[in-house]
Amino acid sequence: AGASGAIFGLIGAQLAFFMRGGHRIPGEVIRAQR
């Protein structure tokens, strides 16, 4: 039981967002988040 599977899903989605690009977020912010 628990929400951890979905929470890890959000973390994976965030990682994919930063790796895909095209979002105009500063590179230093992306590198720190990644």
ModelCIF file with pLDDT and N, C-alpha, C, O atoms, coordinates in Angstrom:
data_MODEL
#
_entry.id   MODEL 
#
_entity.id                         1 
_entity.type                       polymer 
_entity.pdbx_number_of_molecules   1 
#
_entity_poly.entity_id                      1 
_entity_poly.type                           'polypeptide(L)' 
_entity_poly.nstd_linkage                   no 
_entity_poly.nstd_monomer                   no 
_entity_poly.pdbx_seq_one_letter_code       AGASGAIFGLIGAQLAFFMRGGHRIPGEVIRAQR 
_entity_poly.pdbx_seq_one_letter_code_can   AGASGAIFGLIGAQLAFFMRGGHRIPGEVIRAQR 
_entity_poly.pdbx_strand_id                 A 
#
loop_
_entity_poly_seq.entity_id 
_entity_poly_seq.num 
_entity_poly_seq.mon_id 
_entity_poly_seq.hetero 
1 1  ALA n 
1 2  GLY n 
1 3  ALA n 
1 4  SER n 
1 5  GLY n 
1 6  ALA n 
1 7  ILE n 
1 8  PHE n 
1 9  GLY n 
1 10 LEU n 
1 11 ILE n 
1 12 GLY n 
1 13 ALA n 
1 14 GLN n 
1 15 LEU n 
1 16 ALA n 
1 17 PHE n 
1 18 PHE n 
1 19 MET n 
1 20 ARG n 
1 21 GLY n 
1 22 GLY n 
1 23 HIS n 
1 24 ARG n 
1 25 ILE n 
1 26 PRO n 
1 27 GLY n 
1 28 GLU n 
1 29 VAL n 
1 30 ILE n 
1 31 ARG n 
1 32 ALA n 
1 33 GLN n 
1 34 ARG n 
#
_struct_asym.id          A 
_struct_asym.entity_id   1 
#
loop_
_ma_qa_metric.id 
_ma_qa_metric.mode 
_ma_qa_metric.name 
_ma_qa_metric.software_group_id 
_ma_qa_metric.type 
1 global pLDDT . pLDDT 
2 local  pLDDT . pLDDT 
#
_ma_qa_metric_global.metric_id      1 
_ma_qa_metric_global.metric_value   79.21 
_ma_qa_metric_global.model_id       1 
_ma_qa_metric_global.ordinal_id     1 
#
loop_
_ma_qa_metric_local.label_asym_id 
_ma_qa_metric_local.label_comp_id 
_ma_qa_metric_local.label_seq_id 
_ma_qa_metric_local.metric_id 
_ma_qa_metric_local.metric_value 
_ma_qa_metric_local.model_id 
_ma_qa_metric_local.ordinal_id 
A ALA 1  2 94.00 1 1  
A GLY 2  2 93.00 1 2  
A ALA 3  2 94.00 1 3  
A SER 4  2 91.00 1 4  
A GLY 5  2 94.00 1 5  
A ALA 6  2 96.00 1 6  
A ILE 7  2 94.00 1 7  
A PHE 8  2 94.00 1 8  
A GLY 9  2 96.00 1 9  
A LEU 10 2 95.00 1 10 
A ILE 11 2 92.00 1 11 
A GLY 12 2 94.00 1 12 
A ALA 13 2 94.00 1 13 
A GLN 14 2 91.00 1 14 
A LEU 15 2 89.00 1 15 
A ALA 16 2 92.00 1 16 
A PHE 17 2 90.00 1 17 
A PHE 18 2 84.00 1 18 
A MET 19 2 83.00 1 19 
A ARG 20 2 81.00 1 20 
A GLY 21 2 67.00 1 21 
A GLY 22 2 57.00 1 22 
A HIS 23 2 61.00 1 23 
A ARG 24 2 62.00 1 24 
A ILE 25 2 63.00 1 25 
A PRO 26 2 57.00 1 26 
A GLY 27 2 61.00 1 27 
A GLU 28 2 59.00 1 28 
A VAL 29 2 60.00 1 29 
A ILE 30 2 63.00 1 30 
A ARG 31 2 64.00 1 31 
A ALA 32 2 62.00 1 32 
A GLN 33 2 63.00 1 33 
A ARG 34 2 63.00 1 34 
#
loop_
_atom_site.group_PDB 
_atom_site.id 
_atom_site.type_symbol 
_atom_site.label_atom_id 
_atom_site.label_alt_id 
_atom_site.label_comp_id 
_atom_site.label_asym_id 
_atom_site.label_entity_id 
_atom_site.label_seq_id 
_atom_site.pdbx_PDB_ins_code 
_atom_site.Cartn_x 
_atom_site.Cartn_y 
_atom_site.Cartn_z 
_atom_site.occupancy 
_atom_site.B_iso_or_equiv 
_atom_site.pdbx_formal_charge 
_atom_site.auth_seq_id 
_atom_site.auth_comp_id 
_atom_site.auth_asym_id 
_atom_site.auth_atom_id 
_atom_site.pdbx_PDB_model_num 
ATOM 1   N N  . ALA A 1 1  ? 0.856  -1.188 0.000   1.00 94.00 ? 1  ALA A N  1 
ATOM 2   C CA . ALA A 1 1  ? 0.000  0.000  0.000   1.00 94.00 ? 1  ALA A CA 1 
ATOM 3   C C  . ALA A 1 1  ? 0.888  1.232  0.000   1.00 94.00 ? 1  ALA A C  1 
ATOM 4   O O  . ALA A 1 1  ? 2.090  1.152  0.250   1.00 94.00 ? 1  ALA A O  1 
ATOM 5   N N  . GLY A 1 2  ? 0.274  2.373  -0.285  1.00 93.00 ? 2  GLY A N  1 
ATOM 6   C CA . GLY A 1 2  ? 1.001  3.626  -0.221  1.00 93.00 ? 2  GLY A CA 1 
ATOM 7   C C  . GLY A 1 2  ? 1.044  4.352  -1.553  1.00 93.00 ? 2  GLY A C  1 
ATOM 8   O O  . GLY A 1 2  ? 0.854  3.762  -2.617  1.00 93.00 ? 2  GLY A O  1 
ATOM 9   N N  . ALA A 1 3  ? 1.299  5.641  -1.465  1.00 94.00 ? 3  ALA A N  1 
ATOM 10  C CA . ALA A 1 3  ? 1.328  6.502  -2.649  1.00 94.00 ? 3  ALA A CA 1 
ATOM 11  C C  . ALA A 1 3  ? 2.698  6.566  -3.300  1.00 94.00 ? 3  ALA A C  1 
ATOM 12  O O  . ALA A 1 3  ? 2.890  7.325  -4.249  1.00 94.00 ? 3  ALA A O  1 
ATOM 13  N N  . SER A 1 4  ? 3.661  5.780  -2.809  1.00 91.00 ? 4  SER A N  1 
ATOM 14  C CA . SER A 1 4  ? 5.035  5.940  -3.278  1.00 91.00 ? 4  SER A CA 1 
ATOM 15  C C  . SER A 1 4  ? 5.202  5.614  -4.752  1.00 91.00 ? 4  SER A C  1 
ATOM 16  O O  . SER A 1 4  ? 6.015  6.249  -5.423  1.00 91.00 ? 4  SER A O  1 
ATOM 17  N N  . GLY A 1 5  ? 4.452  4.634  -5.287  1.00 94.00 ? 5  GLY A N  1 
ATOM 18  C CA . GLY A 1 5  ? 4.559  4.337  -6.714  1.00 94.00 ? 5  GLY A CA 1 
ATOM 19  C C  . GLY A 1 5  ? 4.175  5.537  -7.553  1.00 94.00 ? 5  GLY A C  1 
ATOM 20  O O  . GLY A 1 5  ? 4.871  5.874  -8.511  1.00 94.00 ? 5  GLY A O  1 
ATOM 21  N N  . ALA A 1 6  ? 3.069  6.190  -7.203  1.00 96.00 ? 6  ALA A N  1 
ATOM 22  C CA . ALA A 1 6  ? 2.636  7.386  -7.925  1.00 96.00 ? 6  ALA A CA 1 
ATOM 23  C C  . ALA A 1 6  ? 3.599  8.548  -7.718  1.00 96.00 ? 6  ALA A C  1 
ATOM 24  O O  . ALA A 1 6  ? 3.836  9.329  -8.638  1.00 96.00 ? 6  ALA A O  1 
ATOM 25  N N  . ILE A 1 7  ? 4.154  8.665  -6.517  1.00 94.00 ? 7  ILE A N  1 
ATOM 26  C CA . ILE A 1 7  ? 5.101  9.750  -6.238  1.00 94.00 ? 7  ILE A CA 1 
ATOM 27  C C  . ILE A 1 7  ? 6.366  9.568  -7.063  1.00 94.00 ? 7  ILE A C  1 
ATOM 28  O O  . ILE A 1 7  ? 6.894  10.531 -7.620  1.00 94.00 ? 7  ILE A O  1 
ATOM 29  N N  . PHE A 1 8  ? 6.851  8.337  -7.141  1.00 94.00 ? 8  PHE A N  1 
ATOM 30  C CA . PHE A 1 8  ? 8.004  8.083  -8.000  1.00 94.00 ? 8  PHE A CA 1 
ATOM 31  C C  . PHE A 1 8  ? 7.647  8.330  -9.459  1.00 94.00 ? 8  PHE A C  1 
ATOM 32  O O  . PHE A 1 8  ? 8.508  8.712  -10.252 1.00 94.00 ? 8  PHE A O  1 
ATOM 33  N N  . GLY A 1 9  ? 6.386  8.116  -9.819  1.00 96.00 ? 9  GLY A N  1 
ATOM 34  C CA . GLY A 1 9  ? 5.946  8.440  -11.162 1.00 96.00 ? 9  GLY A CA 1 
ATOM 35  C C  . GLY A 1 9  ? 6.079  9.923  -11.447 1.00 96.00 ? 9  GLY A C  1 
ATOM 36  O O  . GLY A 1 9  ? 6.512  10.312 -12.532 1.00 96.00 ? 9  GLY A O  1 
ATOM 37  N N  . LEU A 1 10 ? 5.710  10.755 -10.481 1.00 95.00 ? 10 LEU A N  1 
ATOM 38  C CA . LEU A 1 10 ? 5.861  12.208 -10.651 1.00 95.00 ? 10 LEU A CA 1 
ATOM 39  C C  . LEU A 1 10 ? 7.331  12.590 -10.783 1.00 95.00 ? 10 LEU A C  1 
ATOM 40  O O  . LEU A 1 10 ? 7.681  13.470 -11.570 1.00 95.00 ? 10 LEU A O  1 
ATOM 41  N N  . ILE A 1 11 ? 8.184  11.931 -10.015 1.00 92.00 ? 11 ILE A N  1 
ATOM 42  C CA . ILE A 1 11 ? 9.620  12.218 -10.094 1.00 92.00 ? 11 ILE A CA 1 
ATOM 43  C C  . ILE A 1 11 ? 10.169 11.817 -11.460 1.00 92.00 ? 11 ILE A C  1 
ATOM 44  O O  . ILE A 1 11 ? 10.973 12.537 -12.051 1.00 92.00 ? 11 ILE A O  1 
ATOM 45  N N  . GLY A 1 12 ? 9.724  10.650 -11.958 1.00 94.00 ? 12 GLY A N  1 
ATOM 46  C CA . GLY A 1 12 ? 10.151 10.235 -13.294 1.00 94.00 ? 12 GLY A CA 1 
ATOM 47  C C  . GLY A 1 12 ? 9.664  11.187 -14.368 1.00 94.00 ? 12 GLY A C  1 
ATOM 48  O O  . GLY A 1 12 ? 10.392 11.479 -15.317 1.00 94.00 ? 12 GLY A O  1 
ATOM 49  N N  . ALA A 1 13 ? 8.433  11.675 -14.226 1.00 94.00 ? 13 ALA A N  1 
ATOM 50  C CA . ALA A 1 13 ? 7.893  12.626 -15.192 1.00 94.00 ? 13 ALA A CA 1 
ATOM 51  C C  . ALA A 1 13 ? 8.673  13.933 -15.169 1.00 94.00 ? 13 ALA A C  1 
ATOM 52  O O  . ALA A 1 13 ? 8.935  14.522 -16.218 1.00 94.00 ? 13 ALA A O  1 
ATOM 53  N N  . GLN A 1 14 ? 9.042  14.382 -13.983 1.00 91.00 ? 14 GLN A N  1 
ATOM 54  C CA . GLN A 1 14 ? 9.826  15.615 -13.872 1.00 91.00 ? 14 GLN A CA 1 
ATOM 55  C C  . GLN A 1 14 ? 11.186 15.455 -14.545 1.00 91.00 ? 14 GLN A C  1 
ATOM 56  O O  . GLN A 1 14 ? 11.651 16.354 -15.246 1.00 91.00 ? 14 GLN A O  1 
ATOM 57  N N  . LEU A 1 15 ? 11.817 14.303 -14.324 1.00 89.00 ? 15 LEU A N  1 
ATOM 58  C CA . LEU A 1 15 ? 13.111 14.049 -14.956 1.00 89.00 ? 15 LEU A CA 1 
ATOM 59  C C  . LEU A 1 15 ? 12.972 14.048 -16.478 1.00 89.00 ? 15 LEU A C  1 
ATOM 60  O O  . LEU A 1 15 ? 13.818 14.609 -17.174 1.00 89.00 ? 15 LEU A O  1 
ATOM 61  N N  . ALA A 1 16 ? 11.917 13.425 -17.002 1.00 92.00 ? 16 ALA A N  1 
ATOM 62  C CA . ALA A 1 16 ? 11.687 13.393 -18.447 1.00 92.00 ? 16 ALA A CA 1 
ATOM 63  C C  . ALA A 1 16 ? 11.460 14.797 -18.994 1.00 92.00 ? 16 ALA A C  1 
ATOM 64  O O  . ALA A 1 16 ? 11.942 15.128 -20.077 1.00 92.00 ? 16 ALA A O  1 
ATOM 65  N N  . PHE A 1 17 ? 10.738 15.613 -18.260 1.00 90.00 ? 17 PHE A N  1 
ATOM 66  C CA . PHE A 1 17 ? 10.462 16.984 -18.699 1.00 90.00 ? 17 PHE A CA 1 
ATOM 67  C C  . PHE A 1 17 ? 11.763 17.752 -18.888 1.00 90.00 ? 17 PHE A C  1 
ATOM 68  O O  . PHE A 1 17 ? 11.942 18.439 -19.893 1.00 90.00 ? 17 PHE A O  1 
ATOM 69  N N  . PHE A 1 18 ? 12.665 17.635 -17.926 1.00 84.00 ? 18 PHE A N  1 
ATOM 70  C CA . PHE A 1 18 ? 13.918 18.386 -18.009 1.00 84.00 ? 18 PHE A CA 1 
ATOM 71  C C  . PHE A 1 18 ? 14.842 17.817 -19.083 1.00 84.00 ? 18 PHE A C  1 
ATOM 72  O O  . PHE A 1 18 ? 15.617 18.559 -19.687 1.00 84.00 ? 18 PHE A O  1 
ATOM 73  N N  . MET A 1 19 ? 14.768 16.525 -19.323 1.00 83.00 ? 19 MET A N  1 
ATOM 74  C CA . MET A 1 19 ? 15.644 15.909 -20.311 1.00 83.00 ? 19 MET A CA 1 
ATOM 75  C C  . MET A 1 19 ? 15.147 16.147 -21.731 1.00 83.00 ? 19 MET A C  1 
ATOM 76  O O  . MET A 1 19 ? 15.944 16.195 -22.668 1.00 83.00 ? 19 MET A O  1 
ATOM 77  N N  . ARG A 1 20 ? 13.833 16.295 -21.897 1.00 81.00 ? 20 ARG A N  1 
ATOM 78  C CA . ARG A 1 20 ? 13.293 16.457 -23.246 1.00 81.00 ? 20 ARG A CA 1 
ATOM 79  C C  . ARG A 1 20 ? 13.613 17.828 -23.830 1.00 81.00 ? 20 ARG A C  1 
ATOM 80  O O  . ARG A 1 20 ? 13.878 17.946 -25.027 1.00 81.00 ? 20 ARG A O  1 
ATOM 81  N N  . GLY A 1 21 ? 13.591 18.847 -23.008 1.00 67.00 ? 21 GLY A N  1 
ATOM 82  C CA . GLY A 1 21 ? 13.917 20.181 -23.489 1.00 67.00 ? 21 GLY A CA 1 
ATOM 83  C C  . GLY A 1 21 ? 12.721 20.886 -24.111 1.00 67.00 ? 21 GLY A C  1 
ATOM 84  O O  . GLY A 1 21 ? 11.602 20.374 -24.073 1.00 67.00 ? 21 GLY A O  1 
ATOM 85  N N  . GLY A 1 22 ? 12.965 22.082 -24.693 1.00 57.00 ? 22 GLY A N  1 
ATOM 86  C CA . GLY A 1 22 ? 11.917 22.851 -25.331 1.00 57.00 ? 22 GLY A CA 1 
ATOM 87  C C  . GLY A 1 22 ? 11.060 23.625 -24.367 1.00 57.00 ? 22 GLY A C  1 
ATOM 88  O O  . GLY A 1 22 ? 9.941  24.003 -24.716 1.00 57.00 ? 22 GLY A O  1 
ATOM 89  N N  . HIS A 1 23 ? 11.544 23.880 -23.159 1.00 61.00 ? 23 HIS A N  1 
ATOM 90  C CA . HIS A 1 23 ? 10.707 24.507 -22.146 1.00 61.00 ? 23 HIS A CA 1 
ATOM 91  C C  . HIS A 1 23 ? 11.219 25.872 -21.706 1.00 61.00 ? 23 HIS A C  1 
ATOM 92  O O  . HIS A 1 23 ? 10.575 26.536 -20.894 1.00 61.00 ? 23 HIS A O  1 
ATOM 93  N N  . ARG A 1 24 ? 12.366 26.302 -22.226 1.00 62.00 ? 24 ARG A N  1 
ATOM 94  C CA . ARG A 1 24 ? 12.910 27.637 -21.934 1.00 62.00 ? 24 ARG A CA 1 
ATOM 95  C C  . ARG A 1 24 ? 13.242 27.852 -20.465 1.00 62.00 ? 24 ARG A C  1 
ATOM 96  O O  . ARG A 1 24 ? 13.193 28.982 -19.978 1.00 62.00 ? 24 ARG A O  1 
ATOM 97  N N  . ILE A 1 25 ? 13.571 26.805 -19.769 1.00 63.00 ? 25 ILE A N  1 
ATOM 98  C CA . ILE A 1 25 ? 14.008 26.925 -18.380 1.00 63.00 ? 25 ILE A CA 1 
ATOM 99  C C  . ILE A 1 25 ? 15.528 27.035 -18.384 1.00 63.00 ? 25 ILE A C  1 
ATOM 100 O O  . ILE A 1 25 ? 16.189 26.283 -19.102 1.00 63.00 ? 25 ILE A O  1 
ATOM 101 N N  . PRO A 1 26 ? 16.103 27.952 -17.603 1.00 57.00 ? 26 PRO A N  1 
ATOM 102 C CA . PRO A 1 26 ? 17.560 28.141 -17.606 1.00 57.00 ? 26 PRO A CA 1 
ATOM 103 C C  . PRO A 1 26 ? 18.316 26.839 -17.368 1.00 57.00 ? 26 PRO A C  1 
ATOM 104 O O  . PRO A 1 26 ? 17.891 25.995 -16.579 1.00 57.00 ? 26 PRO A O  1 
ATOM 105 N N  . GLY A 1 27 ? 19.441 26.687 -18.059 1.00 61.00 ? 27 GLY A N  1 
ATOM 106 C CA . GLY A 1 27 ? 20.212 25.449 -17.979 1.00 61.00 ? 27 GLY A CA 1 
ATOM 107 C C  . GLY A 1 27 ? 20.691 25.126 -16.578 1.00 61.00 ? 27 GLY A C  1 
ATOM 108 O O  . GLY A 1 27 ? 20.706 23.964 -16.173 1.00 61.00 ? 27 GLY A O  1 
ATOM 109 N N  . GLU A 1 28 ? 21.087 26.165 -15.829 1.00 59.00 ? 28 GLU A N  1 
ATOM 110 C CA . GLU A 1 28 ? 21.585 25.897 -14.477 1.00 59.00 ? 28 GLU A CA 1 
ATOM 111 C C  . GLU A 1 28 ? 20.484 25.358 -13.567 1.00 59.00 ? 28 GLU A C  1 
ATOM 112 O O  . GLU A 1 28 ? 20.739 24.539 -12.684 1.00 59.00 ? 28 GLU A O  1 
ATOM 113 N N  . VAL A 1 29 ? 19.256 25.828 -13.795 1.00 60.00 ? 29 VAL A N  1 
ATOM 114 C CA . VAL A 1 29 ? 18.130 25.314 -13.008 1.00 60.00 ? 29 VAL A CA 1 
ATOM 115 C C  . VAL A 1 29 ? 17.879 23.845 -13.348 1.00 60.00 ? 29 VAL A C  1 
ATOM 116 O O  . VAL A 1 29 ? 17.643 23.022 -12.463 1.00 60.00 ? 29 VAL A O  1 
ATOM 117 N N  . ILE A 1 30 ? 17.934 23.530 -14.647 1.00 63.00 ? 30 ILE A N  1 
ATOM 118 C CA . ILE A 1 30 ? 17.708 22.149 -15.082 1.00 63.00 ? 30 ILE A CA 1 
ATOM 119 C C  . ILE A 1 30 ? 18.774 21.232 -14.500 1.00 63.00 ? 30 ILE A C  1 
ATOM 120 O O  . ILE A 1 30 ? 18.462 20.159 -13.984 1.00 63.00 ? 30 ILE A O  1 
ATOM 121 N N  . ARG A 1 31 ? 20.022 21.650 -14.584 1.00 64.00 ? 31 ARG A N  1 
ATOM 122 C CA . ARG A 1 31 ? 21.100 20.799 -14.077 1.00 64.00 ? 31 ARG A CA 1 
ATOM 123 C C  . ARG A 1 31 ? 20.962 20.557 -12.581 1.00 64.00 ? 31 ARG A C  1 
ATOM 124 O O  . ARG A 1 31 ? 21.197 19.446 -12.106 1.00 64.00 ? 31 ARG A O  1 
ATOM 125 N N  . ALA A 1 32 ? 20.581 21.595 -11.834 1.00 62.00 ? 32 ALA A N  1 
ATOM 126 C CA . ALA A 1 32 ? 20.417 21.432 -10.386 1.00 62.00 ? 32 ALA A CA 1 
ATOM 127 C C  . ALA A 1 32 ? 19.260 20.498 -10.076 1.00 62.00 ? 32 ALA A C  1 
ATOM 128 O O  . ALA A 1 32 ? 19.374 19.620 -9.220  1.00 62.00 ? 32 ALA A O  1 
ATOM 129 N N  . GLN A 1 33 ? 18.136 20.690 -10.779 1.00 63.00 ? 33 GLN A N  1 
ATOM 130 C CA . GLN A 1 33 ? 16.977 19.825 -10.560 1.00 63.00 ? 33 GLN A CA 1 
ATOM 131 C C  . GLN A 1 33 ? 17.292 18.384 -10.945 1.00 63.00 ? 33 GLN A C  1 
ATOM 132 O O  . GLN A 1 33 ? 16.941 17.451 -10.222 1.00 63.00 ? 33 GLN A O  1 
ATOM 133 N N  . ARG A 1 34 ? 17.953 18.206 -12.084 1.00 63.00 ? 34 ARG A N  1 
ATOM 134 C CA . ARG A 1 34 ? 18.264 16.860 -12.562 1.00 63.00 ? 34 ARG A CA 1 
ATOM 135 C C  . ARG A 1 34 ? 19.194 16.147 -11.578 1.00 63.00 ? 34 ARG A C  1 
ATOM 136 O O  . ARG A 1 34 ? 19.571 14.998 -11.806 1.00 63.00 ? 34 ARG A O  1 
#
